[in-house]
Amino acid sequence: MLSRSLRFASRQTRLLSTSRIAFSAPLKFDGKTASDLSEVTGPDGSLIGPGAKPGTIPSDLDQATGLERLEVLGKREGVDVFDLENPISEGSGSPQDPYLVPTYVGYRYVGCKGKEGHNHKPYWMKVEDGHLARCWQCGNSFTAKYLGEPGMSHH
């Protein structure tokens, strides 16, 4: 029984060591990495971090990629790229006058935290253009306000 387990362990070790050699080659990236918001060209290679130099510990800016890198670059310049600090204030939250949620794609996910003085845990919902969304805890109503070009909200 012990010989079988040792044989299995030796096979596993061999597989791990060969995969370590196969995957140890450094990956090459030929694109330009953005170092500030003005250099971001879209969802391409400009949002890939350069990585740390050998022998150093990477910072958030060195290793962040994608939307996280966009957010880190924005914070460095004092820009809230996801507009998290400005609560939605257009509308009163009633079904007759719902909060208008700005969107460029026809829908947006919104977290309702309640009315003033009656806070609750965030309840997340999908708010779509032309549909009324309601918080099941406090009754706040939301609808999307499309800001993009006409006819382009179907994406």
N, C-alpha and C. Protein backbone atom coordinates (compact mmCIF):
# COMPACT_ATOMS: atom_id res chain seq x y z
N MET A 1 0.81 -1.18 0.00
CA MET A 1 0.00 0.00 0.00
C MET A 1 0.86 1.26 0.00
N LEU A 2 1.91 1.26 0.81
CA LEU A 2 2.80 2.41 0.87
C LEU A 2 3.54 2.60 -0.45
N SER A 3 3.92 1.49 -1.09
CA SER A 3 4.64 1.60 -2.36
C SER A 3 3.75 2.22 -3.44
N ARG A 4 2.45 1.91 -3.41
CA ARG A 4 1.54 2.51 -4.39
C ARG A 4 1.42 4.02 -4.19
N SER A 5 1.30 4.45 -2.95
CA SER A 5 1.17 5.89 -2.70
C SER A 5 2.46 6.62 -3.03
N LEU A 6 3.62 6.00 -2.78
CA LEU A 6 4.88 6.65 -3.14
C LEU A 6 5.04 6.74 -4.65
N ARG A 7 4.59 5.69 -5.36
CA ARG A 7 4.66 5.72 -6.81
C ARG A 7 3.78 6.85 -7.36
N PHE A 8 2.59 7.02 -6.77
CA PHE A 8 1.68 8.09 -7.19
C PHE A 8 2.29 9.46 -6.90
N ALA A 9 2.91 9.61 -5.72
CA ALA A 9 3.52 10.88 -5.35
C ALA A 9 4.69 11.21 -6.27
N SER A 10 5.47 10.21 -6.65
CA SER A 10 6.61 10.48 -7.53
C SER A 10 6.13 10.90 -8.92
N ARG A 11 5.04 10.31 -9.39
CA ARG A 11 4.49 10.72 -10.68
C ARG A 11 3.99 12.16 -10.62
N GLN A 12 3.30 12.50 -9.53
CA GLN A 12 2.80 13.86 -9.37
C GLN A 12 3.96 14.86 -9.33
N THR A 13 5.00 14.53 -8.63
CA THR A 13 6.14 15.43 -8.54
C THR A 13 6.77 15.64 -9.91
N ARG A 14 6.87 14.58 -10.67
CA ARG A 14 7.44 14.69 -12.00
C ARG A 14 6.57 15.60 -12.88
N LEU A 15 5.25 15.43 -12.81
CA LEU A 15 4.37 16.27 -13.60
C LEU A 15 4.48 17.73 -13.20
N LEU A 16 4.55 17.98 -11.90
CA LEU A 16 4.65 19.36 -11.44
C LEU A 16 5.96 20.00 -11.86
N SER A 17 7.05 19.24 -11.78
CA SER A 17 8.34 19.83 -12.15
C SER A 17 8.42 20.10 -13.65
N THR A 18 7.85 19.24 -14.48
CA THR A 18 7.88 19.50 -15.92
C THR A 18 6.98 20.66 -16.29
N SER A 19 5.83 20.78 -15.62
CA SER A 19 4.96 21.92 -15.92
C SER A 19 5.60 23.22 -15.43
N ARG A 20 6.35 23.16 -14.35
CA ARG A 20 7.03 24.35 -13.85
C ARG A 20 8.05 24.83 -14.88
N ILE A 21 8.75 23.92 -15.51
CA ILE A 21 9.73 24.28 -16.53
C ILE A 21 9.02 24.82 -17.77
N ALA A 22 7.92 24.17 -18.17
CA ALA A 22 7.21 24.58 -19.37
C ALA A 22 6.59 25.96 -19.24
N PHE A 23 6.11 26.31 -18.04
CA PHE A 23 5.42 27.58 -17.85
C PHE A 23 6.30 28.65 -17.23
N SER A 24 7.59 28.42 -17.12
CA SER A 24 8.45 29.41 -16.50
C SER A 24 8.93 30.48 -17.47
N ALA A 25 8.67 30.30 -18.76
CA ALA A 25 9.09 31.30 -19.74
C ALA A 25 8.28 32.57 -19.54
N PRO A 26 8.93 33.73 -19.51
CA PRO A 26 8.20 34.98 -19.29
C PRO A 26 7.30 35.31 -20.49
N LEU A 27 6.14 35.90 -20.19
CA LEU A 27 5.22 36.30 -21.23
C LEU A 27 5.62 37.67 -21.76
N LYS A 28 5.55 37.84 -23.06
CA LYS A 28 5.92 39.10 -23.69
C LYS A 28 4.66 39.88 -24.05
N PHE A 29 4.67 41.19 -23.82
CA PHE A 29 3.58 42.08 -24.21
C PHE A 29 4.17 43.19 -25.04
N ASP A 30 3.69 43.35 -26.27
CA ASP A 30 4.28 44.32 -27.19
C ASP A 30 3.56 45.66 -27.20
N GLY A 31 2.39 45.77 -26.55
CA GLY A 31 1.62 47.00 -26.59
C GLY A 31 2.11 48.06 -25.62
N LYS A 32 1.54 49.24 -25.71
CA LYS A 32 1.87 50.36 -24.83
C LYS A 32 0.97 50.30 -23.61
N THR A 33 1.55 50.33 -22.43
CA THR A 33 0.79 50.34 -21.19
C THR A 33 0.50 51.78 -20.79
N ALA A 34 -0.76 52.08 -20.48
CA ALA A 34 -1.14 53.43 -20.09
C ALA A 34 -0.61 53.75 -18.70
N SER A 35 -0.02 54.94 -18.56
CA SER A 35 0.46 55.37 -17.26
C SER A 35 -0.41 56.47 -16.67
N ASP A 36 -1.36 57.01 -17.46
CA ASP A 36 -2.38 57.92 -16.93
C ASP A 36 -3.64 57.79 -17.79
N LEU A 37 -4.71 58.47 -17.38
CA LEU A 37 -6.00 58.29 -18.05
C LEU A 37 -5.99 58.75 -19.51
N SER A 38 -5.20 59.73 -19.83
CA SER A 38 -5.18 60.23 -21.21
C SER A 38 -4.58 59.22 -22.19
N GLU A 39 -3.83 58.24 -21.70
CA GLU A 39 -3.20 57.25 -22.57
C GLU A 39 -4.06 55.99 -22.75
N VAL A 40 -5.20 55.89 -22.06
CA VAL A 40 -6.08 54.73 -22.19
C VAL A 40 -6.77 54.81 -23.54
N THR A 41 -6.64 53.75 -24.34
CA THR A 41 -7.20 53.75 -25.68
C THR A 41 -8.44 52.86 -25.81
N GLY A 42 -8.86 52.22 -24.75
CA GLY A 42 -10.03 51.36 -24.79
C GLY A 42 -9.74 50.05 -24.11
N PRO A 43 -10.62 49.06 -24.32
CA PRO A 43 -10.43 47.77 -23.64
C PRO A 43 -9.42 46.89 -24.37
N ASP A 44 -8.20 47.38 -24.48
CA ASP A 44 -7.16 46.64 -25.17
C ASP A 44 -5.93 46.54 -24.29
N GLY A 45 -4.78 46.45 -24.85
CA GLY A 45 -3.54 46.29 -24.11
C GLY A 45 -3.14 47.48 -23.27
N SER A 46 -3.76 48.65 -23.47
CA SER A 46 -3.37 49.82 -22.69
C SER A 46 -3.75 49.67 -21.22
N LEU A 47 -4.63 48.74 -20.90
CA LEU A 47 -5.05 48.54 -19.51
C LEU A 47 -4.39 47.31 -18.89
N ILE A 48 -3.24 46.91 -19.40
CA ILE A 48 -2.47 45.82 -18.82
C ILE A 48 -1.28 46.44 -18.11
N GLY A 49 -1.10 46.10 -16.84
CA GLY A 49 -0.01 46.66 -16.06
C GLY A 49 1.34 46.15 -16.52
N PRO A 50 2.40 46.91 -16.28
CA PRO A 50 3.73 46.49 -16.73
C PRO A 50 4.31 45.36 -15.88
N GLY A 51 3.78 45.15 -14.68
CA GLY A 51 4.33 44.13 -13.79
C GLY A 51 5.51 44.70 -13.02
N ALA A 52 5.97 43.93 -12.06
CA ALA A 52 7.09 44.40 -11.22
C ALA A 52 8.41 44.04 -11.87
N LYS A 53 9.42 44.81 -11.55
CA LYS A 53 10.77 44.48 -12.00
C LYS A 53 11.25 43.29 -11.18
N PRO A 54 12.10 42.46 -11.75
CA PRO A 54 12.59 41.28 -11.01
C PRO A 54 13.22 41.68 -9.68
N GLY A 55 12.83 40.96 -8.63
CA GLY A 55 13.38 41.20 -7.31
C GLY A 55 12.63 42.25 -6.50
N THR A 56 11.54 42.80 -7.04
CA THR A 56 10.76 43.80 -6.31
C THR A 56 9.34 43.31 -6.09
N ILE A 57 8.65 43.93 -5.16
CA ILE A 57 7.26 43.60 -4.89
C ILE A 57 6.39 44.57 -5.69
N PRO A 58 5.42 44.06 -6.46
CA PRO A 58 4.63 44.96 -7.30
C PRO A 58 3.64 45.79 -6.49
N SER A 59 3.41 47.01 -6.94
CA SER A 59 2.39 47.86 -6.34
C SER A 59 1.07 47.59 -7.06
N ASP A 60 -0.01 48.22 -6.59
CA ASP A 60 -1.30 48.06 -7.27
C ASP A 60 -1.22 48.57 -8.70
N LEU A 61 -0.51 49.65 -8.91
CA LEU A 61 -0.39 50.20 -10.26
C LEU A 61 0.39 49.26 -11.18
N ASP A 62 1.39 48.56 -10.64
CA ASP A 62 2.19 47.65 -11.46
C ASP A 62 1.40 46.43 -11.92
N GLN A 63 0.54 45.89 -11.06
CA GLN A 63 -0.09 44.62 -11.39
C GLN A 63 -1.56 44.71 -11.76
N ALA A 64 -2.20 45.87 -11.60
CA ALA A 64 -3.62 45.99 -11.92
C ALA A 64 -3.83 45.91 -13.44
N THR A 65 -4.93 45.26 -13.84
CA THR A 65 -5.28 45.15 -15.25
C THR A 65 -6.76 45.43 -15.42
N GLY A 66 -7.15 45.77 -16.64
CA GLY A 66 -8.56 45.96 -16.98
C GLY A 66 -9.21 47.11 -16.23
N LEU A 67 -10.45 46.87 -15.76
CA LEU A 67 -11.20 47.92 -15.08
C LEU A 67 -10.54 48.35 -13.78
N GLU A 68 -9.86 47.42 -13.11
CA GLU A 68 -9.15 47.80 -11.88
C GLU A 68 -8.05 48.80 -12.20
N ARG A 69 -7.34 48.60 -13.29
CA ARG A 69 -6.28 49.54 -13.67
C ARG A 69 -6.88 50.90 -14.04
N LEU A 70 -8.01 50.90 -14.73
CA LEU A 70 -8.69 52.15 -15.06
C LEU A 70 -9.05 52.91 -13.78
N GLU A 71 -9.56 52.19 -12.79
CA GLU A 71 -9.92 52.82 -11.52
C GLU A 71 -8.70 53.35 -10.78
N VAL A 72 -7.60 52.60 -10.76
CA VAL A 72 -6.38 53.04 -10.08
C VAL A 72 -5.81 54.28 -10.77
N LEU A 73 -5.78 54.29 -12.11
CA LEU A 73 -5.29 55.47 -12.84
C LEU A 73 -6.17 56.69 -12.55
N GLY A 74 -7.48 56.47 -12.48
CA GLY A 74 -8.39 57.57 -12.17
C GLY A 74 -8.19 58.12 -10.78
N LYS A 75 -7.99 57.23 -9.80
CA LYS A 75 -7.76 57.68 -8.43
C LYS A 75 -6.48 58.48 -8.31
N ARG A 76 -5.46 58.10 -9.08
CA ARG A 76 -4.20 58.86 -9.06
C ARG A 76 -4.41 60.29 -9.54
N GLU A 77 -5.37 60.49 -10.46
CA GLU A 77 -5.62 61.82 -11.01
C GLU A 77 -6.80 62.51 -10.33
N GLY A 78 -7.41 61.85 -9.33
CA GLY A 78 -8.53 62.46 -8.62
C GLY A 78 -9.86 62.37 -9.36
N VAL A 79 -10.00 61.39 -10.27
CA VAL A 79 -11.22 61.22 -11.05
C VAL A 79 -11.93 59.96 -10.59
N ASP A 80 -13.21 60.08 -10.28
CA ASP A 80 -14.02 58.92 -9.89
C ASP A 80 -14.61 58.33 -11.17
N VAL A 81 -13.91 57.37 -11.80
CA VAL A 81 -14.29 56.87 -13.12
C VAL A 81 -15.63 56.13 -13.11
N PHE A 82 -16.02 55.57 -11.98
CA PHE A 82 -17.30 54.86 -11.91
C PHE A 82 -18.40 55.69 -11.27
N ASP A 83 -18.12 56.95 -10.94
CA ASP A 83 -19.11 57.88 -10.39
C ASP A 83 -19.82 57.29 -9.17
N LEU A 84 -19.04 56.76 -8.23
CA LEU A 84 -19.60 56.12 -7.05
C LEU A 84 -19.95 57.10 -5.95
N GLU A 85 -19.38 58.29 -5.98
CA GLU A 85 -19.58 59.24 -4.90
C GLU A 85 -20.82 60.11 -5.07
N ASN A 86 -21.37 60.17 -6.28
CA ASN A 86 -22.54 61.02 -6.52
C ASN A 86 -23.81 60.19 -6.53
N PRO A 87 -24.63 60.29 -5.49
CA PRO A 87 -25.88 59.53 -5.50
C PRO A 87 -26.86 60.10 -6.53
N ILE A 88 -27.77 59.26 -6.97
CA ILE A 88 -28.77 59.67 -7.95
C ILE A 88 -29.77 60.58 -7.25
N SER A 89 -29.98 61.77 -7.79
CA SER A 89 -30.86 62.72 -7.11
C SER A 89 -32.00 63.21 -7.99
N GLU A 90 -32.02 62.82 -9.26
CA GLU A 90 -33.07 63.27 -10.16
C GLU A 90 -34.30 62.38 -9.98
N GLY A 91 -35.39 62.94 -9.50
CA GLY A 91 -36.62 62.22 -9.19
C GLY A 91 -36.82 62.15 -7.70
N SER A 92 -38.00 61.68 -7.28
CA SER A 92 -38.31 61.61 -5.85
C SER A 92 -38.36 60.18 -5.32
N GLY A 93 -38.33 59.19 -6.20
CA GLY A 93 -38.34 57.80 -5.76
C GLY A 93 -39.72 57.17 -5.68
N SER A 94 -40.75 57.93 -6.00
CA SER A 94 -42.11 57.36 -6.00
C SER A 94 -42.39 56.73 -7.36
N PRO A 95 -43.40 55.87 -7.46
CA PRO A 95 -43.71 55.28 -8.77
C PRO A 95 -44.12 56.33 -9.81
N GLN A 96 -44.70 57.44 -9.39
CA GLN A 96 -45.10 58.48 -10.33
C GLN A 96 -43.90 59.33 -10.76
N ASP A 97 -42.88 59.46 -9.91
CA ASP A 97 -41.68 60.25 -10.19
C ASP A 97 -40.45 59.45 -9.74
N PRO A 98 -40.09 58.39 -10.49
CA PRO A 98 -38.98 57.53 -10.05
C PRO A 98 -37.62 58.22 -10.18
N TYR A 99 -36.64 57.70 -9.44
CA TYR A 99 -35.27 58.17 -9.61
C TYR A 99 -34.83 57.83 -11.03
N LEU A 100 -34.21 58.79 -11.72
CA LEU A 100 -33.73 58.57 -13.08
C LEU A 100 -32.25 58.21 -13.02
N VAL A 101 -31.94 56.99 -13.47
CA VAL A 101 -30.58 56.45 -13.41
C VAL A 101 -29.91 56.67 -14.76
N PRO A 102 -28.84 57.47 -14.82
CA PRO A 102 -28.18 57.70 -16.11
C PRO A 102 -27.48 56.45 -16.62
N THR A 103 -27.60 56.18 -17.92
CA THR A 103 -26.97 55.02 -18.53
C THR A 103 -26.66 55.30 -19.99
N TYR A 104 -25.62 54.63 -20.50
CA TYR A 104 -25.27 54.73 -21.91
C TYR A 104 -25.59 53.46 -22.68
N VAL A 105 -26.04 52.41 -21.99
CA VAL A 105 -26.29 51.13 -22.66
C VAL A 105 -27.74 50.66 -22.53
N GLY A 106 -28.62 51.44 -21.92
CA GLY A 106 -30.03 51.07 -21.81
C GLY A 106 -30.38 50.41 -20.50
N TYR A 107 -29.40 49.99 -19.70
CA TYR A 107 -29.66 49.43 -18.39
C TYR A 107 -28.48 49.72 -17.49
N ARG A 108 -28.70 49.56 -16.19
CA ARG A 108 -27.63 49.76 -15.22
C ARG A 108 -28.01 49.05 -13.94
N TYR A 109 -27.04 48.52 -13.24
CA TYR A 109 -27.29 47.89 -11.95
C TYR A 109 -27.15 48.95 -10.86
N VAL A 110 -28.15 49.01 -9.99
CA VAL A 110 -28.21 50.05 -8.96
C VAL A 110 -28.38 49.38 -7.61
N GLY A 111 -27.69 49.91 -6.61
CA GLY A 111 -27.85 49.44 -5.24
C GLY A 111 -28.67 50.45 -4.45
N CYS A 112 -29.84 50.05 -3.97
CA CYS A 112 -30.69 50.92 -3.16
C CYS A 112 -30.32 50.71 -1.69
N LYS A 113 -30.06 51.81 -0.99
CA LYS A 113 -29.72 51.74 0.44
C LYS A 113 -30.79 52.36 1.31
N GLY A 114 -31.96 52.63 0.74
CA GLY A 114 -33.07 53.17 1.52
C GLY A 114 -33.24 54.66 1.36
N LYS A 115 -34.26 55.15 2.07
CA LYS A 115 -34.54 56.59 2.08
C LYS A 115 -33.81 57.23 3.23
N GLU A 116 -33.73 58.56 3.22
CA GLU A 116 -33.04 59.26 4.30
C GLU A 116 -33.72 58.95 5.64
N GLY A 117 -32.92 58.53 6.61
CA GLY A 117 -33.44 58.20 7.93
C GLY A 117 -33.92 56.77 8.07
N HIS A 118 -34.11 56.07 6.95
CA HIS A 118 -34.57 54.67 6.97
C HIS A 118 -33.65 53.84 6.08
N ASN A 119 -32.41 53.72 6.51
CA ASN A 119 -31.42 52.99 5.72
C ASN A 119 -31.56 51.49 5.89
N HIS A 120 -31.16 50.74 4.87
CA HIS A 120 -31.12 49.28 4.93
C HIS A 120 -29.89 48.80 4.17
N LYS A 121 -29.62 47.53 4.23
CA LYS A 121 -28.50 46.98 3.47
C LYS A 121 -28.76 47.18 1.98
N PRO A 122 -27.70 47.33 1.18
CA PRO A 122 -27.92 47.55 -0.26
C PRO A 122 -28.66 46.39 -0.91
N TYR A 123 -29.67 46.73 -1.67
CA TYR A 123 -30.42 45.78 -2.47
C TYR A 123 -30.14 46.12 -3.93
N TRP A 124 -29.54 45.17 -4.66
CA TRP A 124 -29.11 45.41 -6.03
C TRP A 124 -30.18 44.97 -7.01
N MET A 125 -30.41 45.81 -8.02
CA MET A 125 -31.42 45.49 -9.03
C MET A 125 -30.97 46.02 -10.39
N LYS A 126 -31.50 45.43 -11.43
CA LYS A 126 -31.21 45.87 -12.79
C LYS A 126 -32.29 46.86 -13.20
N VAL A 127 -31.88 48.08 -13.50
CA VAL A 127 -32.79 49.14 -13.91
C VAL A 127 -32.68 49.28 -15.42
N GLU A 128 -33.80 49.11 -16.12
CA GLU A 128 -33.80 49.16 -17.58
C GLU A 128 -34.60 50.35 -18.08
N ASP A 129 -34.25 50.79 -19.28
CA ASP A 129 -34.94 51.91 -19.90
C ASP A 129 -36.37 51.49 -20.24
N GLY A 130 -37.35 52.27 -19.81
CA GLY A 130 -38.75 51.98 -20.10
C GLY A 130 -39.42 51.05 -19.11
N HIS A 131 -38.71 50.53 -18.12
CA HIS A 131 -39.28 49.65 -17.10
C HIS A 131 -39.07 50.25 -15.72
N LEU A 132 -40.05 50.09 -14.87
CA LEU A 132 -39.95 50.59 -13.51
C LEU A 132 -39.39 49.49 -12.62
N ALA A 133 -38.33 49.80 -11.90
CA ALA A 133 -37.74 48.85 -10.95
C ALA A 133 -38.01 49.39 -9.55
N ARG A 134 -38.38 48.49 -8.62
CA ARG A 134 -38.72 48.91 -7.27
C ARG A 134 -37.95 48.13 -6.24
N CYS A 135 -37.48 48.84 -5.22
CA CYS A 135 -36.81 48.19 -4.10
C CYS A 135 -37.86 47.50 -3.25
N TRP A 136 -37.66 46.23 -2.98
CA TRP A 136 -38.66 45.48 -2.22
C TRP A 136 -38.59 45.77 -0.73
N GLN A 137 -37.54 46.47 -0.26
CA GLN A 137 -37.44 46.77 1.17
C GLN A 137 -38.03 48.13 1.53
N CYS A 138 -37.77 49.16 0.71
CA CYS A 138 -38.22 50.51 1.08
C CYS A 138 -39.22 51.09 0.08
N GLY A 139 -39.36 50.49 -1.11
CA GLY A 139 -40.33 50.97 -2.08
C GLY A 139 -39.82 52.03 -3.04
N ASN A 140 -38.53 52.40 -2.96
CA ASN A 140 -37.99 53.36 -3.92
C ASN A 140 -38.16 52.84 -5.33
N SER A 141 -38.49 53.73 -6.26
CA SER A 141 -38.68 53.36 -7.67
C SER A 141 -37.57 53.97 -8.52
N PHE A 142 -37.14 53.21 -9.51
CA PHE A 142 -36.05 53.63 -10.39
C PHE A 142 -36.43 53.33 -11.83
N THR A 143 -35.94 54.15 -12.73
CA THR A 143 -36.01 53.85 -14.16
C THR A 143 -34.76 54.44 -14.81
N ALA A 144 -34.37 53.88 -15.95
CA ALA A 144 -33.15 54.31 -16.61
C ALA A 144 -33.40 55.54 -17.47
N LYS A 145 -32.44 56.43 -17.50
CA LYS A 145 -32.46 57.61 -18.36
C LYS A 145 -31.32 57.44 -19.35
N TYR A 146 -31.67 57.09 -20.58
CA TYR A 146 -30.66 56.80 -21.60
C TYR A 146 -29.99 58.08 -22.06
N LEU A 147 -28.65 58.13 -22.00
CA LEU A 147 -27.89 59.32 -22.37
C LEU A 147 -27.16 59.18 -23.69
N GLY A 148 -27.14 57.99 -24.26
CA GLY A 148 -26.38 57.75 -25.50
C GLY A 148 -27.12 58.17 -26.73
N GLU A 149 -26.59 57.74 -27.87
CA GLU A 149 -27.21 58.07 -29.17
C GLU A 149 -28.49 57.28 -29.35
N PRO A 150 -29.50 57.87 -29.99
CA PRO A 150 -30.76 57.14 -30.21
C PRO A 150 -30.54 55.87 -31.02
N GLY A 151 -31.20 54.81 -30.61
CA GLY A 151 -31.12 53.55 -31.32
C GLY A 151 -29.91 52.71 -31.00
N MET A 152 -29.04 53.14 -30.10
CA MET A 152 -27.83 52.39 -29.80
C MET A 152 -27.91 51.67 -28.45
N SER A 153 -29.05 51.67 -27.80
CA SER A 153 -29.15 51.06 -26.47
C SER A 153 -29.40 49.57 -26.52
N HIS A 154 -29.41 48.95 -27.68
CA HIS A 154 -29.70 47.53 -27.79
C HIS A 154 -28.50 46.65 -27.52
N HIS A 155 -27.33 47.18 -27.27
CA HIS A 155 -26.10 46.39 -27.09
C HIS A 155 -26.12 45.70 -25.78
